[in-house]
Amino acid sequence: MRRTVFDTPVVHHFFHFVSWIGLKLAGWKVEGGIPEARKYVLIAAPHTSNWDFPVTLAVAFRLNVKLFWMGKESLFKGPMGPIMRWLGGIPVDRSQKTGLVQQLVDEYNRCKDLVVTIPPEGTRGKTRKWKSGFYHVAHGAGVPIYMGFLDFKRKVGGINNAFVPTGDFEEDLKKIQDFYKDVVGKNPHQFAS
């Protein structure tokens, strides 16, 4: 994949330091560590607020994880487009089915190292159930799923628990969602776990 803020010399060190200071001043702690896997899908849950984005980036810098994230296409229009891509963004047109899962599977197969964070709810708004794209990408690419989380109640964010998809989405989803049962998002009423 392309160069991002996470591997831009000097800038990376600056943001690593700023993230450390910012999280400390805001009272946030980082749990977990850098996964051993070089390629994996990182669940981003719960995704209930615009604050998820800067806190997730700060946690990624603290853990030294180069991550890519998916966002609605409108975020990448105009002068913000190049900046969002540099921050690791991958534009997604949610209005039509574009074969995104297969595109990501192909990208995982092509790359030596790749971490894409995917919010299973697909949106910050209230949802009743998780979408399956994150699962199908991981299963199709043969990579593990790691649980990324932001717990606004405890002010803790991080990466924990690798999960290898078996192909049985319904059963695997129960196990994955069990990890998130006590994780509280910024707007907890919007999180469907």
N, C-alpha and C. Protein backbone atom coordinates (compact mmCIF):
# COMPACT_ATOMS: atom_id res chain seq x y z
N MET A 1 0.86 -1.19 0.00
CA MET A 1 0.00 0.00 0.00
C MET A 1 0.89 1.24 0.00
N ARG A 2 0.27 2.35 -0.13
CA ARG A 2 0.97 3.62 -0.28
C ARG A 2 1.56 4.12 1.05
N ARG A 3 2.38 5.14 0.94
CA ARG A 3 2.96 5.80 2.11
C ARG A 3 1.86 6.63 2.79
N THR A 4 1.89 6.60 4.11
CA THR A 4 0.92 7.38 4.89
C THR A 4 1.66 8.13 5.98
N VAL A 5 0.90 8.82 6.80
CA VAL A 5 1.47 9.56 7.92
C VAL A 5 2.22 8.61 8.86
N PHE A 6 1.84 7.35 8.88
CA PHE A 6 2.45 6.38 9.78
C PHE A 6 3.87 5.99 9.38
N ASP A 7 4.24 6.19 8.12
CA ASP A 7 5.60 5.86 7.71
C ASP A 7 6.30 7.02 7.01
N THR A 8 5.86 8.24 7.27
CA THR A 8 6.52 9.43 6.76
C THR A 8 7.59 9.85 7.76
N PRO A 9 8.86 9.85 7.35
CA PRO A 9 9.93 10.19 8.28
C PRO A 9 9.68 11.53 8.98
N VAL A 10 10.14 11.68 10.15
CA VAL A 10 10.04 12.86 11.02
C VAL A 10 8.60 13.10 11.46
N VAL A 11 7.68 13.14 10.51
CA VAL A 11 6.27 13.38 10.84
C VAL A 11 5.76 12.27 11.75
N HIS A 12 6.12 11.02 11.45
CA HIS A 12 5.69 9.90 12.28
C HIS A 12 6.14 10.10 13.73
N HIS A 13 7.39 10.48 13.93
CA HIS A 13 7.91 10.68 15.29
C HIS A 13 7.20 11.83 15.99
N PHE A 14 6.92 12.88 15.23
CA PHE A 14 6.19 14.01 15.80
C PHE A 14 4.81 13.58 16.29
N PHE A 15 4.06 12.86 15.43
CA PHE A 15 2.72 12.43 15.81
C PHE A 15 2.75 11.38 16.92
N HIS A 16 3.78 10.56 16.95
CA HIS A 16 3.93 9.59 18.04
C HIS A 16 4.03 10.35 19.38
N PHE A 17 4.84 11.39 19.41
CA PHE A 17 5.02 12.19 20.62
C PHE A 17 3.74 12.95 20.98
N VAL A 18 3.13 13.59 19.97
CA VAL A 18 1.88 14.33 20.20
C VAL A 18 0.78 13.40 20.71
N SER A 19 0.71 12.20 20.17
CA SER A 19 -0.30 11.22 20.61
C SER A 19 -0.06 10.83 22.06
N TRP A 20 1.18 10.61 22.42
CA TRP A 20 1.52 10.25 23.79
C TRP A 20 1.09 11.35 24.75
N ILE A 21 1.43 12.60 24.42
CA ILE A 21 1.06 13.75 25.27
C ILE A 21 -0.46 13.91 25.30
N GLY A 22 -1.10 13.90 24.12
CA GLY A 22 -2.54 14.11 24.04
C GLY A 22 -3.34 13.08 24.82
N LEU A 23 -3.00 11.80 24.66
CA LEU A 23 -3.71 10.75 25.38
C LEU A 23 -3.49 10.90 26.88
N LYS A 24 -2.27 11.21 27.28
CA LYS A 24 -1.97 11.36 28.70
C LYS A 24 -2.77 12.53 29.30
N LEU A 25 -2.77 13.66 28.61
CA LEU A 25 -3.51 14.83 29.11
C LEU A 25 -5.02 14.58 29.17
N ALA A 26 -5.52 13.78 28.24
CA ALA A 26 -6.96 13.48 28.21
C ALA A 26 -7.32 12.34 29.16
N GLY A 27 -6.32 11.74 29.80
CA GLY A 27 -6.58 10.68 30.76
C GLY A 27 -6.75 9.30 30.15
N TRP A 28 -6.34 9.12 28.89
CA TRP A 28 -6.48 7.84 28.20
C TRP A 28 -5.26 6.95 28.42
N LYS A 29 -5.52 5.65 28.46
CA LYS A 29 -4.45 4.65 28.55
C LYS A 29 -4.57 3.72 27.34
N VAL A 30 -3.45 3.09 27.01
CA VAL A 30 -3.42 2.14 25.90
C VAL A 30 -3.18 0.75 26.47
N GLU A 31 -4.04 -0.21 26.05
CA GLU A 31 -3.92 -1.60 26.49
C GLU A 31 -3.58 -2.48 25.29
N GLY A 32 -3.04 -3.62 25.59
CA GLY A 32 -2.69 -4.54 24.52
C GLY A 32 -1.37 -4.13 23.92
N GLY A 33 -1.05 -4.72 22.82
CA GLY A 33 0.21 -4.42 22.18
C GLY A 33 0.11 -4.58 20.68
N ILE A 34 1.26 -4.57 20.07
CA ILE A 34 1.31 -4.71 18.62
C ILE A 34 1.13 -6.19 18.29
N PRO A 35 0.15 -6.52 17.48
CA PRO A 35 -0.01 -7.93 17.09
C PRO A 35 1.22 -8.45 16.35
N GLU A 36 1.49 -9.73 16.52
CA GLU A 36 2.62 -10.35 15.83
C GLU A 36 2.36 -10.50 14.34
N ALA A 37 1.12 -10.66 13.98
CA ALA A 37 0.77 -10.84 12.56
C ALA A 37 1.16 -9.59 11.77
N ARG A 38 1.60 -9.80 10.56
CA ARG A 38 1.97 -8.68 9.69
C ARG A 38 0.77 -8.20 8.88
N LYS A 39 -0.23 -9.08 8.73
CA LYS A 39 -1.45 -8.74 8.00
C LYS A 39 -2.63 -9.18 8.84
N TYR A 40 -3.58 -8.26 9.05
CA TYR A 40 -4.79 -8.61 9.78
C TYR A 40 -5.85 -7.54 9.57
N VAL A 41 -7.09 -7.92 9.84
CA VAL A 41 -8.21 -6.98 9.87
C VAL A 41 -8.34 -6.53 11.31
N LEU A 42 -8.45 -5.24 11.51
CA LEU A 42 -8.61 -4.68 12.85
C LEU A 42 -10.03 -4.14 12.99
N ILE A 43 -10.82 -4.77 13.84
CA ILE A 43 -12.17 -4.28 14.09
C ILE A 43 -12.06 -2.95 14.83
N ALA A 44 -12.84 -1.99 14.42
CA ALA A 44 -12.89 -0.69 15.09
C ALA A 44 -14.27 -0.57 15.74
N ALA A 45 -14.33 -0.90 17.02
CA ALA A 45 -15.63 -0.88 17.70
C ALA A 45 -15.46 -0.44 19.15
N PRO A 46 -16.46 0.13 19.71
CA PRO A 46 -17.66 0.62 19.04
C PRO A 46 -17.37 1.90 18.27
N HIS A 47 -18.08 2.11 17.20
CA HIS A 47 -17.91 3.31 16.37
C HIS A 47 -19.18 4.15 16.51
N THR A 48 -19.15 5.09 17.45
CA THR A 48 -20.37 5.84 17.77
C THR A 48 -20.20 7.36 17.71
N SER A 49 -18.99 7.84 17.36
CA SER A 49 -18.74 9.27 17.46
C SER A 49 -17.63 9.70 16.51
N ASN A 50 -17.62 10.98 16.16
CA ASN A 50 -16.52 11.54 15.37
C ASN A 50 -15.21 11.49 16.16
N TRP A 51 -15.29 11.43 17.48
CA TRP A 51 -14.09 11.37 18.32
C TRP A 51 -13.35 10.05 18.15
N ASP A 52 -14.01 9.03 17.64
CA ASP A 52 -13.35 7.74 17.44
C ASP A 52 -12.13 7.86 16.53
N PHE A 53 -12.24 8.71 15.52
CA PHE A 53 -11.16 8.84 14.54
C PHE A 53 -9.86 9.37 15.15
N PRO A 54 -9.86 10.56 15.79
CA PRO A 54 -8.59 11.04 16.33
C PRO A 54 -8.05 10.17 17.47
N VAL A 55 -8.93 9.60 18.28
CA VAL A 55 -8.45 8.75 19.37
C VAL A 55 -7.84 7.47 18.79
N THR A 56 -8.47 6.91 17.77
CA THR A 56 -7.93 5.70 17.13
C THR A 56 -6.56 5.99 16.52
N LEU A 57 -6.42 7.13 15.83
CA LEU A 57 -5.12 7.47 15.26
C LEU A 57 -4.07 7.62 16.35
N ALA A 58 -4.43 8.27 17.45
CA ALA A 58 -3.48 8.44 18.56
C ALA A 58 -3.06 7.09 19.14
N VAL A 59 -4.00 6.18 19.32
CA VAL A 59 -3.68 4.85 19.85
C VAL A 59 -2.78 4.11 18.85
N ALA A 60 -3.06 4.23 17.56
CA ALA A 60 -2.24 3.58 16.53
C ALA A 60 -0.80 4.11 16.58
N PHE A 61 -0.65 5.41 16.74
CA PHE A 61 0.70 5.97 16.85
C PHE A 61 1.41 5.47 18.10
N ARG A 62 0.68 5.38 19.20
CA ARG A 62 1.30 4.89 20.45
C ARG A 62 1.74 3.44 20.31
N LEU A 63 0.99 2.64 19.56
CA LEU A 63 1.34 1.23 19.37
C LEU A 63 2.25 1.00 18.17
N ASN A 64 2.55 2.06 17.42
CA ASN A 64 3.36 1.95 16.20
C ASN A 64 2.74 0.99 15.19
N VAL A 65 1.46 1.15 14.96
CA VAL A 65 0.74 0.34 13.98
C VAL A 65 0.40 1.22 12.78
N LYS A 66 0.87 0.82 11.60
CA LYS A 66 0.48 1.52 10.38
C LYS A 66 -0.85 0.97 9.95
N LEU A 67 -1.89 1.78 10.07
CA LEU A 67 -3.20 1.26 9.71
C LEU A 67 -3.85 2.07 8.61
N PHE A 68 -4.68 1.37 7.88
CA PHE A 68 -5.54 1.98 6.88
C PHE A 68 -6.96 1.86 7.41
N TRP A 69 -7.80 2.78 7.02
CA TRP A 69 -9.19 2.79 7.48
C TRP A 69 -10.10 3.13 6.32
N MET A 70 -11.33 2.70 6.42
CA MET A 70 -12.30 2.96 5.37
C MET A 70 -13.25 4.06 5.82
N GLY A 71 -13.55 4.97 4.90
CA GLY A 71 -14.46 6.06 5.21
C GLY A 71 -15.34 6.38 4.02
N LYS A 72 -16.46 7.04 4.31
CA LYS A 72 -17.38 7.37 3.21
C LYS A 72 -16.69 8.29 2.21
N GLU A 73 -17.05 8.09 0.96
CA GLU A 73 -16.40 8.76 -0.16
C GLU A 73 -16.40 10.28 -0.04
N SER A 74 -17.42 10.84 0.57
CA SER A 74 -17.52 12.30 0.66
C SER A 74 -16.38 12.91 1.49
N LEU A 75 -15.77 12.13 2.39
CA LEU A 75 -14.64 12.63 3.18
C LEU A 75 -13.41 12.90 2.32
N PHE A 76 -13.38 12.31 1.12
CA PHE A 76 -12.19 12.37 0.28
C PHE A 76 -12.34 13.35 -0.88
N LYS A 77 -13.37 14.17 -0.85
CA LYS A 77 -13.60 15.13 -1.93
C LYS A 77 -12.92 16.46 -1.58
N GLY A 78 -12.53 17.18 -2.61
CA GLY A 78 -11.94 18.50 -2.42
C GLY A 78 -10.55 18.46 -1.82
N PRO A 79 -10.16 19.55 -1.17
CA PRO A 79 -8.80 19.65 -0.65
C PRO A 79 -8.49 18.66 0.48
N MET A 80 -9.52 18.13 1.13
CA MET A 80 -9.29 17.17 2.22
C MET A 80 -8.94 15.77 1.70
N GLY A 81 -9.24 15.49 0.44
CA GLY A 81 -8.99 14.17 -0.12
C GLY A 81 -7.56 13.67 0.06
N PRO A 82 -6.56 14.43 -0.41
CA PRO A 82 -5.18 13.98 -0.24
C PRO A 82 -4.77 13.82 1.23
N ILE A 83 -5.29 14.68 2.08
CA ILE A 83 -4.97 14.60 3.51
C ILE A 83 -5.55 13.32 4.11
N MET A 84 -6.81 13.04 3.78
CA MET A 84 -7.45 11.83 4.30
C MET A 84 -6.73 10.58 3.81
N ARG A 85 -6.30 10.57 2.56
CA ARG A 85 -5.55 9.41 2.05
C ARG A 85 -4.21 9.29 2.77
N TRP A 86 -3.55 10.42 3.01
CA TRP A 86 -2.27 10.41 3.71
C TRP A 86 -2.44 9.89 5.15
N LEU A 87 -3.61 10.14 5.74
CA LEU A 87 -3.90 9.63 7.07
C LEU A 87 -4.27 8.15 7.06
N GLY A 88 -4.26 7.53 5.88
CA GLY A 88 -4.53 6.09 5.76
C GLY A 88 -5.92 5.77 5.26
N GLY A 89 -6.65 6.76 4.81
CA GLY A 89 -8.03 6.56 4.39
C GLY A 89 -8.18 5.84 3.06
N ILE A 90 -9.21 5.02 2.98
CA ILE A 90 -9.61 4.33 1.76
C ILE A 90 -11.06 4.73 1.51
N PRO A 91 -11.34 5.48 0.42
CA PRO A 91 -12.72 5.91 0.17
C PRO A 91 -13.64 4.76 -0.22
N VAL A 92 -14.86 4.80 0.32
CA VAL A 92 -15.85 3.76 0.05
C VAL A 92 -17.14 4.44 -0.40
N ASP A 93 -17.64 4.01 -1.56
CA ASP A 93 -18.93 4.49 -2.05
C ASP A 93 -20.00 3.56 -1.50
N ARG A 94 -20.69 4.03 -0.46
CA ARG A 94 -21.67 3.19 0.22
C ARG A 94 -23.00 3.10 -0.54
N SER A 95 -23.15 3.87 -1.61
CA SER A 95 -24.43 3.87 -2.32
C SER A 95 -24.57 2.70 -3.29
N GLN A 96 -23.47 2.01 -3.57
CA GLN A 96 -23.58 0.89 -4.49
C GLN A 96 -22.62 -0.24 -4.10
N LYS A 97 -22.94 -1.44 -4.55
CA LYS A 97 -22.09 -2.59 -4.29
C LYS A 97 -20.96 -2.56 -5.31
N THR A 98 -19.73 -2.47 -4.81
CA THR A 98 -18.60 -2.29 -5.71
C THR A 98 -17.58 -3.41 -5.64
N GLY A 99 -17.88 -4.50 -4.95
CA GLY A 99 -16.91 -5.57 -4.84
C GLY A 99 -15.77 -5.21 -3.90
N LEU A 100 -16.05 -4.37 -2.92
CA LEU A 100 -15.03 -3.89 -2.00
C LEU A 100 -14.36 -5.03 -1.24
N VAL A 101 -15.14 -6.01 -0.81
CA VAL A 101 -14.56 -7.14 -0.07
C VAL A 101 -13.50 -7.82 -0.92
N GLN A 102 -13.81 -8.12 -2.17
CA GLN A 102 -12.83 -8.80 -3.03
C GLN A 102 -11.63 -7.90 -3.31
N GLN A 103 -11.86 -6.60 -3.47
CA GLN A 103 -10.75 -5.67 -3.68
C GLN A 103 -9.78 -5.70 -2.50
N LEU A 104 -10.34 -5.72 -1.28
CA LEU A 104 -9.49 -5.76 -0.09
C LEU A 104 -8.80 -7.11 0.04
N VAL A 105 -9.49 -8.20 -0.27
CA VAL A 105 -8.86 -9.52 -0.25
C VAL A 105 -7.68 -9.54 -1.21
N ASP A 106 -7.87 -9.01 -2.41
CA ASP A 106 -6.78 -8.95 -3.40
C ASP A 106 -5.61 -8.12 -2.88
N GLU A 107 -5.93 -7.02 -2.20
CA GLU A 107 -4.87 -6.15 -1.66
C GLU A 107 -4.10 -6.88 -0.56
N TYR A 108 -4.79 -7.60 0.30
CA TYR A 108 -4.11 -8.40 1.33
C TYR A 108 -3.20 -9.43 0.68
N ASN A 109 -3.66 -10.07 -0.39
CA ASN A 109 -2.86 -11.08 -1.07
C ASN A 109 -1.64 -10.47 -1.75
N ARG A 110 -1.75 -9.22 -2.15
CA ARG A 110 -0.66 -8.54 -2.84
C ARG A 110 0.39 -7.99 -1.88
N CYS A 111 -0.03 -7.58 -0.68
CA CYS A 111 0.86 -6.89 0.26
C CYS A 111 1.55 -7.84 1.23
N LYS A 112 2.73 -7.44 1.65
CA LYS A 112 3.49 -8.19 2.65
C LYS A 112 3.02 -7.82 4.06
N ASP A 113 2.68 -6.56 4.25
CA ASP A 113 2.18 -6.03 5.52
C ASP A 113 0.94 -5.20 5.23
N LEU A 114 -0.15 -5.46 5.95
CA LEU A 114 -1.35 -4.66 5.76
C LEU A 114 -2.28 -4.80 6.95
N VAL A 115 -2.70 -3.66 7.49
CA VAL A 115 -3.69 -3.60 8.55
C VAL A 115 -4.77 -2.64 8.10
N VAL A 116 -5.99 -3.13 7.96
CA VAL A 116 -7.12 -2.28 7.61
C VAL A 116 -8.10 -2.34 8.78
N THR A 117 -8.44 -1.18 9.31
CA THR A 117 -9.41 -1.13 10.39
C THR A 117 -10.79 -0.91 9.79
N ILE A 118 -11.72 -1.75 10.22
CA ILE A 118 -13.07 -1.73 9.65
C ILE A 118 -14.08 -1.69 10.79
N PRO A 119 -14.94 -0.66 10.83
CA PRO A 119 -16.00 -0.66 11.84
C PRO A 119 -17.12 -1.60 11.43
N PRO A 120 -17.40 -2.62 12.24
CA PRO A 120 -18.42 -3.59 11.85
C PRO A 120 -19.83 -3.02 11.76
N GLU A 121 -20.06 -1.88 12.42
CA GLU A 121 -21.39 -1.26 12.31
C GLU A 121 -21.54 -0.54 10.97
N GLY A 122 -20.41 -0.16 10.36
CA GLY A 122 -20.45 0.50 9.07
C GLY A 122 -20.77 1.98 9.14
N THR A 123 -21.12 2.49 10.31
CA THR A 123 -21.50 3.89 10.46
C THR A 123 -21.44 4.27 11.94
N ARG A 124 -21.40 5.59 12.21
CA ARG A 124 -21.44 6.06 13.59
C ARG A 124 -22.86 6.04 14.14
N GLY A 125 -23.84 6.05 13.25
CA GLY A 125 -25.24 6.10 13.66
C GLY A 125 -25.70 4.80 14.28
N LYS A 126 -26.87 4.84 14.86
CA LYS A 126 -27.47 3.66 15.51
C LYS A 126 -27.69 2.55 14.49
N THR A 127 -27.21 1.37 14.82
CA THR A 127 -27.42 0.21 13.97
C THR A 127 -27.97 -0.93 14.82
N ARG A 128 -28.69 -1.83 14.18
CA ARG A 128 -29.26 -2.97 14.90
C ARG A 128 -28.35 -4.19 14.85
N LYS A 129 -27.53 -4.28 13.80
CA LYS A 129 -26.64 -5.43 13.72
C LYS A 129 -25.38 -5.07 12.96
N TRP A 130 -24.35 -5.89 13.17
CA TRP A 130 -23.07 -5.67 12.52
C TRP A 130 -23.12 -6.13 11.07
N LYS A 131 -22.39 -5.43 10.22
CA LYS A 131 -22.23 -5.85 8.83
C LYS A 131 -21.15 -6.94 8.80
N SER A 132 -21.13 -7.71 7.75
CA SER A 132 -20.23 -8.87 7.69
C SER A 132 -18.97 -8.63 6.87
N GLY A 133 -18.81 -7.46 6.27
CA GLY A 133 -17.67 -7.21 5.39
C GLY A 133 -16.32 -7.47 6.03
N PHE A 134 -16.13 -7.00 7.27
CA PHE A 134 -14.84 -7.20 7.95
C PHE A 134 -14.51 -8.69 8.03
N TYR A 135 -15.52 -9.49 8.30
CA TYR A 135 -15.34 -10.93 8.46
C TYR A 135 -14.97 -11.58 7.13
N HIS A 136 -15.70 -11.22 6.08
CA HIS A 136 -15.46 -11.83 4.78
C HIS A 136 -14.10 -11.43 4.20
N VAL A 137 -13.66 -10.21 4.50
CA VAL A 137 -12.32 -9.79 4.07
C VAL A 137 -11.28 -10.67 4.76
N ALA A 138 -11.37 -10.81 6.08
CA ALA A 138 -10.40 -11.60 6.83
C ALA A 138 -10.41 -13.07 6.38
N HIS A 139 -11.61 -13.64 6.28
CA HIS A 139 -11.73 -15.05 5.88
C HIS A 139 -11.21 -15.26 4.47
N GLY A 140 -11.58 -14.36 3.56
CA GLY A 140 -11.16 -14.50 2.16
C GLY A 140 -9.67 -14.33 1.97
N ALA A 141 -9.05 -13.48 2.79
CA ALA A 141 -7.61 -13.24 2.67
C ALA A 141 -6.80 -14.20 3.54
N GLY A 142 -7.49 -14.96 4.40
CA GLY A 142 -6.79 -15.89 5.28
C GLY A 142 -5.96 -15.18 6.34
N VAL A 143 -6.48 -14.05 6.83
CA VAL A 143 -5.78 -13.29 7.87
C VAL A 143 -6.62 -13.27 9.14
N PRO A 144 -5.99 -13.09 10.31
CA PRO A 144 -6.76 -13.03 11.55
C PRO A 144 -7.49 -11.70 11.70
N ILE A 145 -8.42 -11.71 12.61
CA ILE A 145 -9.14 -10.49 13.02
C ILE A 145 -8.64 -10.15 14.41
N TYR A 146 -8.26 -8.90 14.61
CA TYR A 146 -7.88 -8.43 15.94
C TYR A 146 -8.94 -7.46 16.43
N MET A 147 -9.15 -7.46 17.73
CA MET A 147 -10.17 -6.61 18.34
C MET A 147 -9.57 -5.27 18.74
N GLY A 148 -9.89 -4.25 17.95
CA GLY A 148 -9.51 -2.89 18.31
C GLY A 148 -10.69 -2.27 19.05
N PHE A 149 -10.39 -1.50 20.08
CA PHE A 149 -11.49 -0.95 20.88
C PHE A 149 -11.15 0.41 21.46
N LEU A 150 -12.18 1.19 21.68
CA LEU A 150 -12.10 2.45 22.42
C LEU A 150 -13.19 2.38 23.48
N ASP A 151 -12.79 2.32 24.73
CA ASP A 151 -13.74 2.28 25.84
C ASP A 151 -13.76 3.66 26.48
N PHE A 152 -14.77 4.46 26.14
CA PHE A 152 -14.84 5.83 26.64
C PHE A 152 -15.17 5.90 28.12
N LYS A 153 -15.76 4.85 28.65
CA LYS A 153 -16.08 4.85 30.09
C LYS A 153 -14.79 4.74 30.91
N ARG A 154 -13.93 3.81 30.51
CA ARG A 154 -12.67 3.61 31.23
C ARG A 154 -11.53 4.46 30.68
N LYS A 155 -11.75 5.09 29.50
CA LYS A 155 -10.74 5.86 28.79
C LYS A 155 -9.53 4.98 28.49
N VAL A 156 -9.83 3.87 27.84
CA VAL A 156 -8.81 2.91 27.44
C VAL A 156 -9.05 2.52 25.99
N GLY A 157 -7.98 2.49 25.23
CA GLY A 157 -8.07 2.02 23.85
C GLY A 157 -6.93 1.07 23.57
N GLY A 158 -7.10 0.23 22.58
CA GLY A 158 -6.01 -0.68 22.25
C GLY A 158 -6.41 -1.77 21.30
N ILE A 159 -5.55 -2.78 21.27
CA ILE A 159 -5.75 -3.94 20.40
C ILE A 159 -5.55 -5.18 21.25
N ASN A 160 -6.51 -6.08 21.19
CA ASN A 160 -6.44 -7.34 21.94
C ASN A 160 -7.00 -8.48 21.11
N ASN A 161 -6.73 -9.69 21.55
CA ASN A 161 -7.37 -10.92 21.08
C ASN A 161 -7.40 -11.11 19.57
N ALA A 162 -6.58 -12.02 19.11
CA ALA A 162 -6.64 -12.44 17.71
C ALA A 162 -7.75 -13.47 17.56
N PHE A 163 -8.46 -13.42 16.46
CA PHE A 163 -9.51 -14.38 16.17
C PHE A 163 -9.33 -14.84 14.73
N VAL A 164 -9.26 -16.14 14.54
CA VAL A 164 -9.13 -16.69 13.20
C VAL A 164 -10.51 -17.15 12.73
N PRO A 165 -11.02 -16.54 11.66
CA PRO A 165 -12.35 -16.93 11.16
C PRO A 165 -12.41 -18.38 10.72
N THR A 166 -13.49 -19.05 11.08
CA THR A 166 -13.66 -20.46 10.72
C THR A 166 -14.47 -20.64 9.45
N GLY A 167 -15.18 -19.58 9.04
CA GLY A 167 -16.09 -19.69 7.89
C GLY A 167 -17.54 -19.73 8.32
N ASP A 168 -17.80 -19.94 9.61
CA ASP A 168 -19.15 -19.93 10.15
C ASP A 168 -19.41 -18.56 10.76
N PHE A 169 -19.89 -17.64 9.93
CA PHE A 169 -20.03 -16.24 10.34
C PHE A 169 -20.88 -16.09 11.60
N GLU A 170 -22.04 -16.71 11.64
CA GLU A 170 -22.96 -16.53 12.77
C GLU A 170 -22.32 -16.95 14.09
N GLU A 171 -21.68 -18.11 14.11
CA GLU A 171 -21.04 -18.58 15.34
C GLU A 171 -19.83 -17.74 15.71
N ASP A 172 -19.02 -17.42 14.71
CA ASP A 172 -17.83 -16.61 14.97
C ASP A 172 -18.21 -15.21 15.45
N LEU A 173 -19.27 -14.65 14.89
CA LEU A 173 -19.70 -13.31 15.29
C LEU A 173 -20.08 -13.27 16.76
N LYS A 174 -20.73 -14.31 17.25
CA LYS A 174 -21.08 -14.36 18.68
C LYS A 174 -19.83 -14.26 19.55
N LYS A 175 -18.79 -14.99 19.16
CA LYS A 175 -17.55 -14.99 19.93
C LYS A 175 -16.85 -13.63 19.85
N ILE A 176 -16.86 -13.03 18.67
CA ILE A 176 -16.23 -11.72 18.49
C ILE A 176 -16.98 -10.67 19.30
N GLN A 177 -18.31 -10.67 19.20
CA GLN A 177 -19.11 -9.67 19.91
C GLN A 177 -19.01 -9.83 21.42
N ASP A 178 -18.74 -11.04 21.87
CA ASP A 178 -18.60 -11.27 23.31
C ASP A 178 -17.46 -10.43 23.88
N PHE A 179 -16.40 -10.22 23.09
CA PHE A 179 -15.28 -9.38 23.54
C PHE A 179 -15.75 -7.95 23.84
N TYR A 180 -16.72 -7.47 23.08
CA TYR A 180 -17.16 -6.07 23.17
C TYR A 180 -18.32 -5.84 24.15
N LYS A 181 -18.77 -6.86 24.84
CA LYS A 181 -19.97 -6.72 25.67
C LYS A 181 -19.83 -5.67 26.77
N ASP A 182 -18.60 -5.43 27.26
CA ASP A 182 -18.40 -4.45 28.33
C ASP A 182 -17.69 -3.18 27.85
N VAL A 183 -17.47 -3.05 26.54
CA VAL A 183 -16.81 -1.88 25.99
C VAL A 183 -17.86 -0.80 25.73
N VAL A 184 -17.61 0.42 26.23
CA VAL A 184 -18.59 1.49 26.15
C VAL A 184 -18.09 2.58 25.20
N GLY A 185 -18.86 2.83 24.14
CA GLY A 185 -18.52 3.88 23.19
C GLY A 185 -18.89 5.25 23.71
N LYS A 186 -18.49 6.27 23.00
CA LYS A 186 -18.80 7.66 23.39
C LYS A 186 -20.30 7.86 23.48
N ASN A 187 -21.04 7.30 22.55
CA ASN A 187 -22.51 7.35 22.54
C ASN A 187 -23.03 5.91 22.62
N PRO A 188 -23.03 5.34 23.84
CA PRO A 188 -23.32 3.91 23.98
C PRO A 188 -24.67 3.46 23.45
N HIS A 189 -25.65 4.36 23.41
CA HIS A 189 -26.99 3.97 22.91
C HIS A 189 -26.96 3.65 21.42
N GLN A 190 -25.89 3.99 20.71
CA GLN A 190 -25.79 3.74 19.28
C GLN A 190 -25.05 2.44 18.95
N PHE A 191 -24.51 1.76 19.94
CA PHE A 191 -23.69 0.58 19.69
C PHE A 191 -24.53 -0.69 19.78
N ALA A 192 -24.52 -1.45 18.69
CA ALA A 192 -25.25 -2.72 18.65
C ALA A 192 -24.24 -3.85 18.77
N SER A 193 -24.11 -4.43 19.94
CA SER A 193 -23.15 -5.54 20.10
C SER A 193 -23.88 -6.86 20.24
